[in-house]
Amino acid sequence: MGLLLAAANRDPAKFSDPDRFDPARADGGHLAFGAGLHFCTGAPLARLELQTALPVLFARLPSLRFQEPPTVRDTFHFHGLEQLRLSW
């Protein structure tokens, strides 16, 4: 048995439009921080850090924009950004 991490959170039966990045998605149940006994104890801190840091970042850099569309890397085990070019 192999666990294919790139498939996590991509089930269209559970997640509406699973290939679209939507940080406000209300579907819930994602596997980013694990589950059950193996749930990440730092998950609440990570969420709090983002809820604090992102509004400050956007307030200080109101002209923050993508220079080009983000480059996504799909490999056997991982799915995520390979490059994110921004300007302000």
PDB file of N, CA and C in Angstrom:
ATOM      1  N   MET A   1       0.844  -1.151   0.000  1.00  0.00           N
ATOM      2  CA  MET A   1       0.000   0.000   0.000  1.00  0.00           C
ATOM      3  C   MET A   1       0.897   1.225   0.000  1.00  0.00           C
ATOM      4  N   GLY A   2       0.581   2.182  -0.815  1.00  0.00           N
ATOM      5  CA  GLY A   2       1.327   3.438  -0.843  1.00  0.00           C
ATOM      6  C   GLY A   2       0.381   4.610  -0.668  1.00  0.00           C
ATOM      7  N   LEU A   3       0.830   5.572   0.082  1.00  0.00           N
ATOM      8  CA  LEU A   3       0.038   6.775   0.295  1.00  0.00           C
ATOM      9  C   LEU A   3       0.495   7.822  -0.706  1.00  0.00           C
ATOM     10  N   LEU A   4      -0.392   8.261  -1.544  1.00  0.00           N
ATOM     11  CA  LEU A   4      -0.065   9.244  -2.566  1.00  0.00           C
ATOM     12  C   LEU A   4      -0.474  10.624  -2.063  1.00  0.00           C
ATOM     13  N   LEU A   5       0.491  11.351  -1.489  1.00  0.00           N
ATOM     14  CA  LEU A   5       0.201  12.643  -0.878  1.00  0.00           C
ATOM     15  C   LEU A   5      -0.362  13.654  -1.867  1.00  0.00           C
ATOM     16  N   ALA A   6       0.034  13.567  -3.122  1.00  0.00           N
ATOM     17  CA  ALA A   6      -0.449  14.519  -4.123  1.00  0.00           C
ATOM     18  C   ALA A   6      -1.951  14.378  -4.362  1.00  0.00           C
ATOM     19  N   ALA A   7      -2.531  13.243  -3.975  1.00  0.00           N
ATOM     20  CA  ALA A   7      -3.963  13.027  -4.167  1.00  0.00           C
ATOM     21  C   ALA A   7      -4.797  13.563  -3.004  1.00  0.00           C
ATOM     22  N   ALA A   8      -4.152  13.911  -1.910  1.00  0.00           N
ATOM     23  CA  ALA A   8      -4.882  14.404  -0.739  1.00  0.00           C
ATOM     24  C   ALA A   8      -5.649  15.673  -1.084  1.00  0.00           C
ATOM     25  N   ASN A   9      -6.858  15.749  -0.610  1.00  0.00           N
ATOM     26  CA  ASN A   9      -7.713  16.928  -0.793  1.00  0.00           C
ATOM     27  C   ASN A   9      -8.118  17.172  -2.244  1.00  0.00           C
ATOM     28  N   ARG A  10      -8.016  16.177  -3.099  1.00  0.00           N
ATOM     29  CA  ARG A  10      -8.309  16.376  -4.521  1.00  0.00           C
ATOM     30  C   ARG A  10      -9.511  15.550  -4.983  1.00  0.00           C
ATOM     31  N   ASP A  11     -10.245  14.961  -4.071  1.00  0.00           N
ATOM     32  CA  ASP A  11     -11.384  14.117  -4.419  1.00  0.00           C
ATOM     33  C   ASP A  11     -12.586  14.995  -4.781  1.00  0.00           C
ATOM     34  N   PRO A  12     -13.006  15.005  -6.060  1.00  0.00           N
ATOM     35  CA  PRO A  12     -14.121  15.866  -6.458  1.00  0.00           C
ATOM     36  C   PRO A  12     -15.443  15.467  -5.796  1.00  0.00           C
ATOM     37  N   ALA A  13     -15.541  14.247  -5.272  1.00  0.00           N
ATOM     38  CA  ALA A  13     -16.757  13.851  -4.564  1.00  0.00           C
ATOM     39  C   ALA A  13     -16.846  14.538  -3.200  1.00  0.00           C
ATOM     40  N   LYS A  14     -15.702  14.957  -2.656  1.00  0.00           N
ATOM     41  CA  LYS A  14     -15.681  15.610  -1.343  1.00  0.00           C
ATOM     42  C   LYS A  14     -15.431  17.112  -1.437  1.00  0.00           C
ATOM     43  N   PHE A  15     -14.602  17.529  -2.388  1.00  0.00           N
ATOM     44  CA  PHE A  15     -14.202  18.931  -2.495  1.00  0.00           C
ATOM     45  C   PHE A  15     -14.689  19.527  -3.810  1.00  0.00           C
ATOM     46  N   SER A  16     -15.474  20.596  -3.726  1.00  0.00           N
ATOM     47  CA  SER A  16     -15.923  21.255  -4.945  1.00  0.00           C
ATOM     48  C   SER A  16     -14.734  21.934  -5.616  1.00  0.00           C
ATOM     49  N   ASP A  17     -14.562  21.691  -6.906  1.00  0.00           N
ATOM     50  CA  ASP A  17     -13.458  22.268  -7.684  1.00  0.00           C
ATOM     51  C   ASP A  17     -12.122  22.062  -6.961  1.00  0.00           C
ATOM     52  N   PRO A  18     -11.711  20.811  -6.747  1.00  0.00           N
ATOM     53  CA  PRO A  18     -10.547  20.512  -5.908  1.00  0.00           C
ATOM     54  C   PRO A  18      -9.210  21.042  -6.429  1.00  0.00           C
ATOM     55  N   ASP A  19      -9.114  21.350  -7.718  1.00  0.00           N
ATOM     56  CA  ASP A  19      -7.837  21.822  -8.259  1.00  0.00           C
ATOM     57  C   ASP A  19      -7.669  23.333  -8.177  1.00  0.00           C
ATOM     58  N   ARG A  20      -8.690  24.034  -7.682  1.00  0.00           N
ATOM     59  CA  ARG A  20      -8.610  25.490  -7.552  1.00  0.00           C
ATOM     60  C   ARG A  20      -8.192  25.850  -6.134  1.00  0.00           C
ATOM     61  N   PHE A  21      -7.205  26.735  -6.010  1.00  0.00           N
ATOM     62  CA  PHE A  21      -6.772  27.203  -4.693  1.00  0.00           C
ATOM     63  C   PHE A  21      -7.827  28.137  -4.124  1.00  0.00           C
ATOM     64  N   ASP A  22      -8.330  27.801  -2.960  1.00  0.00           N
ATOM     65  CA  ASP A  22      -9.344  28.625  -2.301  1.00  0.00           C
ATOM     66  C   ASP A  22      -9.128  28.538  -0.796  1.00  0.00           C
ATOM     67  N   PRO A  23      -8.370  29.473  -0.224  1.00  0.00           N
ATOM     68  CA  PRO A  23      -8.084  29.393   1.206  1.00  0.00           C
ATOM     69  C   PRO A  23      -9.321  29.557   2.084  1.00  0.00           C
ATOM     70  N   ALA A  24     -10.413  30.070   1.541  1.00  0.00           N
ATOM     71  CA  ALA A  24     -11.639  30.241   2.326  1.00  0.00           C
ATOM     72  C   ALA A  24     -12.610  29.079   2.127  1.00  0.00           C
ATOM     73  N   ARG A  25     -12.161  28.034   1.475  1.00  0.00           N
ATOM     74  CA  ARG A  25     -13.023  26.877   1.200  1.00  0.00           C
ATOM     75  C   ARG A  25     -13.620  26.347   2.500  1.00  0.00           C
ATOM     76  N   ALA A  26     -14.908  26.096   2.484  1.00  0.00           N
ATOM     77  CA  ALA A  26     -15.595  25.641   3.693  1.00  0.00           C
ATOM     78  C   ALA A  26     -15.845  24.134   3.691  1.00  0.00           C
ATOM     79  N   ASP A  27     -15.287  23.418   2.710  1.00  0.00           N
ATOM     80  CA  ASP A  27     -15.535  21.978   2.620  1.00  0.00           C
ATOM     81  C   ASP A  27     -15.050  21.241   3.866  1.00  0.00           C
ATOM     82  N   GLY A  28     -13.936  21.694   4.442  1.00  0.00           N
ATOM     83  CA  GLY A  28     -13.393  21.066   5.648  1.00  0.00           C
ATOM     84  C   GLY A  28     -12.844  19.671   5.387  1.00  0.00           C
ATOM     85  N   GLY A  29     -12.268  19.111   6.408  1.00  0.00           N
ATOM     86  CA  GLY A  29     -11.773  17.747   6.320  1.00  0.00           C
ATOM     87  C   GLY A  29     -10.507  17.567   5.510  1.00  0.00           C
ATOM     88  N   HIS A  30      -9.762  18.633   5.237  1.00  0.00           N
ATOM     89  CA  HIS A  30      -8.549  18.475   4.440  1.00  0.00           C
ATOM     90  C   HIS A  30      -7.453  17.798   5.267  1.00  0.00           C
ATOM     91  N   LEU A  31      -6.444  17.279   4.592  1.00  0.00           N
ATOM     92  CA  LEU A  31      -5.412  16.479   5.243  1.00  0.00           C
ATOM     93  C   LEU A  31      -4.095  17.209   5.441  1.00  0.00           C
ATOM     94  N   ALA A  32      -4.075  18.518   5.274  1.00  0.00           N
ATOM     95  CA  ALA A  32      -2.815  19.257   5.359  1.00  0.00           C
ATOM     96  C   ALA A  32      -2.104  19.056   6.692  1.00  0.00           C
ATOM     97  N   PHE A  33      -2.849  18.923   7.765  1.00  0.00           N
ATOM     98  CA  PHE A  33      -2.239  18.765   9.087  1.00  0.00           C
ATOM     99  C   PHE A  33      -2.427  17.361   9.646  1.00  0.00           C
ATOM    100  N   GLY A  34      -2.745  16.405   8.784  1.00  0.00           N
ATOM    101  CA  GLY A  34      -2.933  15.041   9.247  1.00  0.00           C
ATOM    102  C   GLY A  34      -4.337  14.843   9.797  1.00  0.00           C
ATOM    103  N   ALA A  35      -4.509  13.747  10.523  1.00  0.00           N
ATOM    104  CA  ALA A  35      -5.827  13.444  11.078  1.00  0.00           C
ATOM    105  C   ALA A  35      -5.689  12.495  12.261  1.00  0.00           C
ATOM    106  N   GLY A  36      -6.701  12.504  13.087  1.00  0.00           N
ATOM    107  CA  GLY A  36      -6.750  11.576  14.211  1.00  0.00           C
ATOM    108  C   GLY A  36      -5.565  11.698  15.146  1.00  0.00           C
ATOM    109  N   LEU A  37      -5.024  10.560  15.551  1.00  0.00           N
ATOM    110  CA  LEU A  37      -3.894  10.507  16.472  1.00  0.00           C
ATOM    111  C   LEU A  37      -2.674  11.240  15.924  1.00  0.00           C
ATOM    112  N   HIS A  38      -2.558  11.298  14.607  1.00  0.00           N
ATOM    113  CA  HIS A  38      -1.394  11.915  13.969  1.00  0.00           C
ATOM    114  C   HIS A  38      -1.650  13.358  13.542  1.00  0.00           C
ATOM    115  N   PHE A  39      -2.686  13.987  14.084  1.00  0.00           N
ATOM    116  CA  PHE A  39      -2.970  15.383  13.752  1.00  0.00           C
ATOM    117  C   PHE A  39      -1.857  16.271  14.295  1.00  0.00           C
ATOM    118  N   CYS A  40      -1.421  17.220  13.506  1.00  0.00           N
ATOM    119  CA  CYS A  40      -0.317  18.117  13.870  1.00  0.00           C
ATOM    120  C   CYS A  40      -0.709  18.998  15.056  1.00  0.00           C
ATOM    121  N   THR A  41       0.077  18.932  16.131  1.00  0.00           N
ATOM    122  CA  THR A  41      -0.222  19.751  17.311  1.00  0.00           C
ATOM    123  C   THR A  41       0.054  21.229  17.048  1.00  0.00           C
ATOM    124  N   GLY A  42       0.807  21.538  16.001  1.00  0.00           N
ATOM    125  CA  GLY A  42       1.103  22.926  15.665  1.00  0.00           C
ATOM    126  C   GLY A  42       0.091  23.556  14.719  1.00  0.00           C
ATOM    127  N   ALA A  43      -0.924  22.807  14.299  1.00  0.00           N
ATOM    128  CA  ALA A  43      -1.907  23.317  13.337  1.00  0.00           C
ATOM    129  C   ALA A  43      -2.596  24.595  13.804  1.00  0.00           C
ATOM    130  N   PRO A  44      -3.078  24.673  15.038  1.00  0.00           N
ATOM    131  CA  PRO A  44      -3.723  25.929  15.460  1.00  0.00           C
ATOM    132  C   PRO A  44      -2.764  27.120  15.420  1.00  0.00           C
ATOM    133  N   LEU A  45      -1.503  26.898  15.777  1.00  0.00           N
ATOM    134  CA  LEU A  45      -0.517  27.979  15.728  1.00  0.00           C
ATOM    135  C   LEU A  45      -0.267  28.411  14.284  1.00  0.00           C
ATOM    136  N   ALA A  46      -0.130  27.458  13.374  1.00  0.00           N
ATOM    137  CA  ALA A  46       0.101  27.787  11.961  1.00  0.00           C
ATOM    138  C   ALA A  46      -1.061  28.595  11.395  1.00  0.00           C
ATOM    139  N   ARG A  47      -2.280  28.205  11.733  1.00  0.00           N
ATOM    140  CA  ARG A  47      -3.452  28.942  11.248  1.00  0.00           C
ATOM    141  C   ARG A  47      -3.491  30.355  11.826  1.00  0.00           C
ATOM    142  N   LEU A  48      -3.179  30.472  13.111  1.00  0.00           N
ATOM    143  CA  LEU A  48      -3.163  31.786  13.760  1.00  0.00           C
ATOM    144  C   LEU A  48      -2.091  32.687  13.147  1.00  0.00           C
ATOM    145  N   GLU A  49      -0.918  32.109  12.857  1.00  0.00           N
ATOM    146  CA  GLU A  49       0.159  32.893  12.240  1.00  0.00           C
ATOM    147  C   GLU A  49      -0.280  33.447  10.890  1.00  0.00           C
ATOM    148  N   LEU A  50      -0.941  32.626  10.085  1.00  0.00           N
ATOM    149  CA  LEU A  50      -1.409  33.100   8.777  1.00  0.00           C
ATOM    150  C   LEU A  50      -2.511  34.142   8.916  1.00  0.00           C
ATOM    151  N   GLN A  51      -3.422  33.932   9.864  1.00  0.00           N
ATOM    152  CA  GLN A  51      -4.498  34.908  10.072  1.00  0.00           C
ATOM    153  C   GLN A  51      -3.947  36.242  10.542  1.00  0.00           C
ATOM    154  N   THR A  52      -2.796  36.225  11.190  1.00  0.00           N
ATOM    155  CA  THR A  52      -2.162  37.453  11.669  1.00  0.00           C
ATOM    156  C   THR A  52      -1.262  38.068  10.601  1.00  0.00           C
ATOM    157  N   ALA A  53      -0.435  37.241   9.960  1.00  0.00           N
ATOM    158  CA  ALA A  53       0.590  37.738   9.041  1.00  0.00           C
ATOM    159  C   ALA A  53       0.033  38.228   7.707  1.00  0.00           C
ATOM    160  N   LEU A  54      -0.909  37.514   7.127  1.00  0.00           N
ATOM    161  CA  LEU A  54      -1.384  37.895   5.793  1.00  0.00           C
ATOM    162  C   LEU A  54      -2.071  39.258   5.760  1.00  0.00           C
ATOM    163  N   PRO A  55      -2.955  39.585   6.702  1.00  0.00           N
ATOM    164  CA  PRO A  55      -3.533  40.935   6.672  1.00  0.00           C
ATOM    165  C   PRO A  55      -2.476  42.033   6.815  1.00  0.00           C
ATOM    166  N   VAL A  56      -1.448  41.801   7.626  1.00  0.00           N
ATOM    167  CA  VAL A  56      -0.373  42.789   7.778  1.00  0.00           C
ATOM    168  C   VAL A  56       0.395  42.921   6.465  1.00  0.00           C
ATOM    169  N   LEU A  57       0.714  41.793   5.846  1.00  0.00           N
ATOM    170  CA  LEU A  57       1.426  41.810   4.567  1.00  0.00           C
ATOM    171  C   LEU A  57       0.644  42.601   3.521  1.00  0.00           C
ATOM    172  N   PHE A  58      -0.646  42.323   3.393  1.00  0.00           N
ATOM    173  CA  PHE A  58      -1.460  43.003   2.381  1.00  0.00           C
ATOM    174  C   PHE A  58      -1.668  44.477   2.710  1.00  0.00           C
ATOM    175  N   ALA A  59      -1.717  44.819   3.990  1.00  0.00           N
ATOM    176  CA  ALA A  59      -1.858  46.230   4.379  1.00  0.00           C
ATOM    177  C   ALA A  59      -0.583  47.006   4.080  1.00  0.00           C
ATOM    178  N   ARG A  60       0.565  46.372   4.297  1.00  0.00           N
ATOM    179  CA  ARG A  60       1.844  47.063   4.074  1.00  0.00           C
ATOM    180  C   ARG A  60       2.249  47.093   2.611  1.00  0.00           C
ATOM    181  N   LEU A  61       1.760  46.138   1.844  1.00  0.00           N
ATOM    182  CA  LEU A  61       2.084  46.074   0.412  1.00  0.00           C
ATOM    183  C   LEU A  61       0.782  46.023  -0.392  1.00  0.00           C
ATOM    184  N   PRO A  62       0.018  47.114  -0.413  1.00  0.00           N
ATOM    185  CA  PRO A  62      -1.292  47.086  -1.075  1.00  0.00           C
ATOM    186  C   PRO A  62      -1.214  46.838  -2.579  1.00  0.00           C
ATOM    187  N   SER A  63      -0.071  47.075  -3.179  1.00  0.00           N
ATOM    188  CA  SER A  63       0.050  46.843  -4.626  1.00  0.00           C
ATOM    189  C   SER A  63       0.649  45.467  -4.941  1.00  0.00           C
ATOM    190  N   LEU A  64       0.704  44.585  -3.971  1.00  0.00           N
ATOM    191  CA  LEU A  64       1.254  43.242  -4.171  1.00  0.00           C
ATOM    192  C   LEU A  64       0.474  42.517  -5.263  1.00  0.00           C
ATOM    193  N   ARG A  65       1.178  42.050  -6.280  1.00  0.00           N
ATOM    194  CA  ARG A  65       0.552  41.385  -7.427  1.00  0.00           C
ATOM    195  C   ARG A  65       1.442  40.249  -7.920  1.00  0.00           C
ATOM    196  N   PHE A  66       0.815  39.307  -8.630  1.00  0.00           N
ATOM    197  CA  PHE A  66       1.580  38.266  -9.312  1.00  0.00           C
ATOM    198  C   PHE A  66       2.297  38.898 -10.496  1.00  0.00           C
ATOM    199  N   GLN A  67       3.568  38.583 -10.690  1.00  0.00           N
ATOM    200  CA  GLN A  67       4.270  39.004 -11.905  1.00  0.00           C
ATOM    201  C   GLN A  67       3.835  38.129 -13.072  1.00  0.00           C
ATOM    202  N   GLU A  68       3.532  36.895 -12.769  1.00  0.00           N
ATOM    203  CA  GLU A  68       3.095  35.910 -13.752  1.00  0.00           C
ATOM    204  C   GLU A  68       2.296  34.856 -12.994  1.00  0.00           C
ATOM    205  N   PRO A  69       1.528  34.037 -13.690  1.00  0.00           N
ATOM    206  CA  PRO A  69       0.789  32.993 -12.976  1.00  0.00           C
ATOM    207  C   PRO A  69       1.750  32.079 -12.207  1.00  0.00           C
ATOM    208  N   PRO A  70       1.356  31.637 -11.027  1.00  0.00           N
ATOM    209  CA  PRO A  70       2.225  30.749 -10.247  1.00  0.00           C
ATOM    210  C   PRO A  70       2.537  29.470 -11.016  1.00  0.00           C
ATOM    211  N   THR A  71       3.737  28.964 -10.843  1.00  0.00           N
ATOM    212  CA  THR A  71       4.145  27.707 -11.451  1.00  0.00           C
ATOM    213  C   THR A  71       3.863  26.589 -10.458  1.00  0.00           C
ATOM    214  N   VAL A  72       3.048  25.628 -10.885  1.00  0.00           N
ATOM    215  CA  VAL A  72       2.688  24.509 -10.021  1.00  0.00           C
ATOM    216  C   VAL A  72       3.502  23.293 -10.428  1.00  0.00           C
ATOM    217  N   ARG A  73       3.973  22.573  -9.435  1.00  0.00           N
ATOM    218  CA  ARG A  73       4.752  21.366  -9.700  1.00  0.00           C
ATOM    219  C   ARG A  73       3.951  20.160  -9.236  1.00  0.00           C
ATOM    220  N   ASP A  74       3.719  19.256 -10.143  1.00  0.00           N
ATOM    221  CA  ASP A  74       3.056  17.995  -9.820  1.00  0.00           C
ATOM    222  C   ASP A  74       4.063  16.877  -9.994  1.00  0.00           C
ATOM    223  N   THR A  75       4.354  16.190  -8.923  1.00  0.00           N
ATOM    224  CA  THR A  75       5.214  15.017  -8.995  1.00  0.00           C
ATOM    225  C   THR A  75       4.440  13.851  -8.410  1.00  0.00           C
ATOM    226  N   PHE A  76       5.054  12.711  -8.371  1.00  0.00           N
ATOM    227  CA  PHE A  76       4.376  11.520  -7.867  1.00  0.00           C
ATOM    228  C   PHE A  76       3.902  11.713  -6.429  1.00  0.00           C
ATOM    229  N   HIS A  77       4.712  12.384  -5.625  1.00  0.00           N
ATOM    230  CA  HIS A  77       4.383  12.508  -4.202  1.00  0.00           C
ATOM    231  C   HIS A  77       3.864  13.876  -3.774  1.00  0.00           C
ATOM    232  N   PHE A  78       4.166  14.919  -4.533  1.00  0.00           N
ATOM    233  CA  PHE A  78       3.837  16.259  -4.054  1.00  0.00           C
ATOM    234  C   PHE A  78       3.143  17.100  -5.121  1.00  0.00           C
ATOM    235  N   HIS A  79       2.304  17.998  -4.663  1.00  0.00           N
ATOM    236  CA  HIS A  79       1.614  18.942  -5.537  1.00  0.00           C
ATOM    237  C   HIS A  79       1.709  20.293  -4.845  1.00  0.00           C
ATOM    238  N   GLY A  80       2.283  21.267  -5.505  1.00  0.00           N
ATOM    239  CA  GLY A  80       2.379  22.578  -4.870  1.00  0.00           C
ATOM    240  C   GLY A  80       3.101  23.572  -5.746  1.00  0.00           C
ATOM    241  N   LEU A  81       3.265  24.753  -5.207  1.00  0.00           N
ATOM    242  CA  LEU A  81       3.923  25.817  -5.960  1.00  0.00           C
ATOM    243  C   LEU A  81       5.407  25.532  -6.124  1.00  0.00           C
ATOM    244  N   GLU A  82       5.868  25.696  -7.334  1.00  0.00           N
ATOM    245  CA  GLU A  82       7.298  25.603  -7.601  1.00  0.00           C
ATOM    246  C   GLU A  82       7.901  27.003  -7.605  1.00  0.00           C
ATOM    247  N   GLN A  83       7.112  27.956  -8.080  1.00  0.00           N
ATOM    248  CA  GLN A  83       7.602  29.326  -8.169  1.00  0.00           C
ATOM    249  C   GLN A  83       6.427  30.291  -8.028  1.00  0.00           C
ATOM    250  N   LEU A  84       6.654  31.359  -7.275  1.00  0.00           N
ATOM    251  CA  LEU A  84       5.631  32.376  -7.062  1.00  0.00           C
ATOM    252  C   LEU A  84       6.310  33.732  -7.154  1.00  0.00           C
ATOM    253  N   ARG A  85       6.239  34.338  -8.336  1.00  0.00           N
ATOM    254  CA  ARG A  85       6.886  35.637  -8.561  1.00  0.00           C
ATOM    255  C   ARG A  85       5.892  36.755  -8.281  1.00  0.00           C
ATOM    256  N   LEU A  86       6.283  37.635  -7.358  1.00  0.00           N
ATOM    257  CA  LEU A  86       5.426  38.744  -6.947  1.00  0.00           C
ATOM    258  C   LEU A  86       6.127  40.071  -7.178  1.00  0.00           C
ATOM    259  N   SER A  87       5.353  41.112  -7.291  1.00  0.00           N
ATOM    260  CA  SER A  87       5.918  42.465  -7.354  1.00  0.00           C
ATOM    261  C   SER A  87       5.008  43.379  -6.550  1.00  0.00           C
ATOM    262  N   TRP A  88       5.573  44.522  -6.150  1.00  0.00           N
ATOM    263  CA  TRP A  88       4.792  45.526  -5.414  1.00  0.00           C
ATOM    264  C   TRP A  88       5.332  46.900  -5.655  1.00  0.00           C
TER     265      TRP A  88
END
